[in-house]
Amino acid sequence: MGSLDVAPWVWVVVGIVVVVLLVVFLVTGRRRQALEQKRDESNREKAAEMRRKAEEVELDASEKEARASRARADAEQAQVDAARLKQEAEQKAGDARSLRDEVARQTEKANAIDPDVREDMGRDADAGLGADRDARLDARQAEARPGETQPGGVRSRGDVDGDGDGYPDADAHTDPAQAEELRRRRERADRDTPRSGI
């Protein structure tokens, strides 16, 4: 009978242990579940933060693309403006050339009707013709004979230097070739007909 009395106490202890284990298991399960919920909530917050950052990056990328598009449009507009300015510059340069040509034409017309300018131009032309005429005259005079007189006892026109030889001095001319030619002719003439008094 004593052993029978002990057996229920053993069952009671076993029951208590089982209940304690069940309570511990339940408490541990709830704690684990709370930890998992806390971890899930943290992960949700991290995921939401990552999504916000991704959205911000997407917005920045869209903004940069919009700025790039505007920069390309500005560059194209600048090229169009530069081409237009170049065209305007060429047109203005052409206008300036036309104006200069018109000024030159007007100046020529004014010079054509201005008597002072015509006289100056005539003097310049006469000076050129006079130099040619003097050269031809000198050549003719160099061929004249020394001592030759014109009717009335006037000395020959070739005797322009007054030395009586009928030839102008070679050093009186500015053209060296012409002066040399005159000197040679005078020497030939002197050899052919010596001067009077020699």
Protein backbone atom coordinates (compact mmCIF):
# COMPACT_ATOMS: atom_id res chain seq x y z
CA MET A 1 0.00 0.00 0.00
CA GLY A 2 2.84 2.30 0.65
CA SER A 3 4.06 1.98 -2.87
CA LEU A 4 0.60 2.78 -4.13
CA ASP A 5 0.61 5.95 -2.00
CA VAL A 6 3.89 7.08 -3.51
CA ALA A 7 2.85 6.58 -7.09
CA PRO A 8 0.25 9.35 -7.18
CA TRP A 9 2.81 11.82 -5.88
CA VAL A 10 5.12 10.86 -8.67
CA TRP A 11 2.36 11.46 -11.13
CA VAL A 12 1.68 14.80 -9.57
CA VAL A 13 5.35 15.81 -9.87
CA VAL A 14 5.46 14.60 -13.43
CA GLY A 15 2.33 16.59 -14.19
CA ILE A 16 3.80 19.72 -12.62
CA VAL A 17 6.98 19.33 -14.64
CA VAL A 18 4.96 18.86 -17.80
CA VAL A 19 2.91 21.99 -17.03
CA VAL A 20 6.04 23.98 -16.32
CA LEU A 21 7.58 22.82 -19.57
CA LEU A 22 4.41 23.78 -21.44
CA VAL A 23 4.43 27.23 -19.86
CA VAL A 24 8.11 27.71 -20.72
CA PHE A 25 7.47 26.56 -24.25
CA LEU A 26 4.54 28.93 -24.66
CA VAL A 27 6.48 31.87 -23.22
CA THR A 28 9.49 31.12 -25.41
CA GLY A 29 7.28 30.78 -28.48
CA ARG A 30 5.65 34.12 -27.80
CA ARG A 31 8.99 35.76 -27.26
CA ARG A 32 10.30 34.25 -30.50
CA GLN A 33 7.18 35.42 -32.28
CA ALA A 34 7.64 38.93 -30.85
CA LEU A 35 11.26 38.95 -31.99
CA GLU A 36 10.24 37.81 -35.45
CA GLN A 37 7.57 40.50 -35.62
CA LYS A 38 10.09 43.10 -34.50
CA ARG A 39 12.58 41.89 -37.10
CA ASP A 40 9.91 41.91 -39.79
CA GLU A 41 8.91 45.45 -38.85
CA SER A 42 12.54 46.56 -39.01
CA ASN A 43 12.92 44.91 -42.39
CA ARG A 44 9.77 46.64 -43.62
CA GLU A 45 11.12 50.00 -42.50
CA LYS A 46 14.46 49.31 -44.19
CA ALA A 47 12.70 48.26 -47.38
CA ALA A 48 10.56 51.39 -47.30
CA GLU A 49 13.68 53.54 -46.78
CA MET A 50 15.41 51.81 -49.68
CA ARG A 51 12.37 52.41 -51.88
CA ARG A 52 12.34 56.10 -50.94
CA LYS A 53 16.02 56.39 -51.80
CA ALA A 54 15.43 54.60 -55.11
CA GLU A 55 12.60 57.01 -55.90
CA GLU A 56 14.87 59.97 -55.08
CA VAL A 57 17.58 58.57 -57.34
CA GLU A 58 15.01 58.07 -60.08
CA LEU A 59 13.85 61.66 -59.68
CA ASP A 60 17.46 62.89 -59.82
CA ALA A 61 18.06 60.84 -62.95
CA SER A 62 14.91 62.24 -64.57
CA GLU A 63 15.94 65.77 -63.62
CA LYS A 64 19.43 65.25 -65.07
CA GLU A 65 17.95 63.85 -68.26
CA ALA A 66 15.70 66.91 -68.51
CA ARG A 67 18.71 69.20 -67.97
CA ALA A 68 20.68 67.30 -70.61
CA SER A 69 17.79 67.69 -73.05
CA ARG A 70 17.64 71.42 -72.30
CA ALA A 71 21.43 71.69 -72.75
CA ARG A 72 21.20 69.93 -76.13
CA ALA A 73 18.37 72.23 -77.16
CA ASP A 74 20.38 75.28 -76.03
CA ALA A 75 23.41 74.05 -77.97
CA GLU A 76 21.32 73.57 -81.10
CA GLN A 77 19.79 77.02 -80.62
CA ALA A 78 23.28 78.48 -80.19
CA GLN A 79 24.36 76.86 -83.46
CA VAL A 80 21.32 78.30 -85.21
CA ASP A 81 22.05 81.73 -83.71
CA ALA A 82 25.71 81.51 -84.76
CA ALA A 83 24.74 80.60 -88.33
CA ARG A 84 22.28 83.48 -88.41
CA LEU A 85 24.89 85.91 -87.07
CA LYS A 86 27.43 84.69 -89.64
CA GLN A 87 24.89 85.19 -92.39
CA GLU A 88 24.13 88.70 -91.12
CA ALA A 89 27.85 89.51 -90.92
CA GLU A 90 28.39 88.36 -94.52
CA GLN A 91 25.41 90.42 -95.64
CA LYS A 92 26.71 93.52 -93.83
CA ALA A 93 30.18 93.00 -95.30
CA GLY A 94 28.60 92.82 -98.76
CA ASP A 95 26.64 95.99 -98.03
CA ALA A 96 29.85 97.71 -96.91
CA ARG A 97 31.61 96.67 -100.13
CA SER A 98 28.70 97.98 -102.18
CA LEU A 99 28.84 101.29 -100.31
CA ARG A 100 32.59 101.57 -100.90
CA ASP A 101 32.11 100.86 -104.61
CA GLU A 102 29.38 103.51 -104.72
CA VAL A 103 31.69 106.01 -102.97
CA ALA A 104 34.44 105.24 -105.50
CA ARG A 105 32.01 105.75 -108.41
CA GLN A 106 30.75 109.02 -106.95
CA THR A 107 34.33 110.20 -106.40
CA GLU A 108 35.23 109.39 -109.99
CA LYS A 109 32.15 111.28 -111.22
CA ALA A 110 33.02 114.25 -109.00
CA ASN A 111 36.61 114.24 -110.28
CA ALA A 112 35.34 114.10 -113.85
CA ILE A 113 33.28 117.28 -113.46
CA ASP A 114 35.58 119.20 -111.06
CA PRO A 115 37.76 121.62 -113.09
CA ASP A 116 40.46 121.79 -110.40
CA VAL A 117 40.93 118.05 -110.41
CA ARG A 118 40.90 117.96 -114.21
CA GLU A 119 43.61 120.67 -114.32
CA ASP A 120 45.75 118.75 -111.82
CA MET A 121 45.31 115.57 -113.82
CA GLY A 122 46.07 117.52 -117.01
CA ARG A 123 49.24 118.91 -115.45
CA ASP A 124 50.34 115.43 -114.45
CA ALA A 125 49.63 114.17 -117.95
CA ASP A 126 51.36 117.20 -119.46
CA ALA A 127 54.38 116.61 -117.25
CA GLY A 128 54.61 113.06 -118.58
CA LEU A 129 54.13 114.24 -122.15
CA GLY A 130 56.60 117.06 -121.56
CA ALA A 131 59.27 114.61 -120.40
CA ASP A 132 58.70 112.54 -123.54
CA ARG A 133 58.75 115.66 -125.69
CA ASP A 134 62.03 116.83 -124.04
CA ALA A 135 63.63 113.45 -124.68
CA ARG A 136 62.65 113.52 -128.34
CA LEU A 137 63.86 117.12 -128.65
CA ASP A 138 67.20 116.23 -127.04
CA ALA A 139 67.64 113.35 -129.45
CA ARG A 140 66.97 115.63 -132.42
CA GLN A 141 69.29 118.28 -131.05
CA ALA A 142 72.05 115.75 -130.54
CA GLU A 143 71.97 115.00 -134.26
CA ALA A 144 72.33 118.68 -135.21
CA ARG A 145 75.73 119.89 -136.48
CA PRO A 146 77.82 122.05 -134.15
CA GLY A 147 77.78 125.73 -134.95
CA GLU A 148 74.70 125.36 -137.12
CA THR A 149 72.65 128.51 -137.09
CA GLN A 150 69.08 129.14 -137.96
CA PRO A 151 68.05 131.90 -140.31
CA GLY A 152 68.78 135.30 -138.74
CA GLY A 153 72.00 134.18 -137.05
CA VAL A 154 70.23 132.44 -134.17
CA ARG A 155 72.08 129.58 -132.67
CA SER A 156 70.78 126.05 -133.21
CA ARG A 157 68.07 124.81 -130.86
CA GLY A 158 70.46 122.06 -129.89
CA ASP A 159 72.73 124.57 -128.20
CA VAL A 160 70.62 124.69 -125.05
CA ASP A 161 73.53 124.88 -122.63
CA GLY A 162 75.07 127.90 -124.33
CA ASP A 163 78.55 126.44 -124.84
CA GLY A 164 78.32 126.79 -128.60
CA ASP A 165 78.68 123.12 -129.44
CA GLY A 166 75.05 122.62 -130.37
CA TYR A 167 74.60 119.76 -127.84
CA PRO A 168 73.15 119.85 -124.35
CA ASP A 169 75.37 118.70 -121.52
CA ALA A 170 75.03 114.99 -120.77
CA ASP A 171 74.87 115.65 -117.05
CA ALA A 172 71.86 117.92 -117.51
CA HIS A 173 69.59 114.90 -118.00
CA THR A 174 68.25 112.72 -115.27
CA ASP A 175 68.18 109.54 -117.38
CA PRO A 176 71.72 107.99 -117.23
CA ALA A 177 71.28 105.93 -120.40
CA GLN A 178 70.12 108.96 -122.37
CA ALA A 179 72.97 111.09 -120.94
CA GLU A 180 75.50 108.43 -121.97
CA GLU A 181 74.05 108.28 -125.49
CA LEU A 182 74.28 112.09 -125.79
CA ARG A 183 77.88 112.06 -124.56
CA ARG A 184 78.86 109.47 -127.17
CA ARG A 185 77.19 111.44 -129.97
CA ARG A 186 78.96 114.60 -128.89
CA GLU A 187 82.32 112.82 -128.89
CA ARG A 188 81.64 111.45 -132.40
CA ALA A 189 80.61 114.89 -133.58
CA ASP A 190 83.74 116.43 -132.02
CA ARG A 191 85.95 113.89 -133.82
CA ASP A 192 84.21 114.49 -137.12
CA THR A 193 84.16 118.31 -136.97
CA PRO A 194 86.47 119.91 -134.42
CA ARG A 195 85.28 123.05 -132.73
CA SER A 196 86.27 126.39 -134.16
CA GLY A 197 89.44 127.91 -132.70
CA ILE A 198 91.23 124.60 -132.30
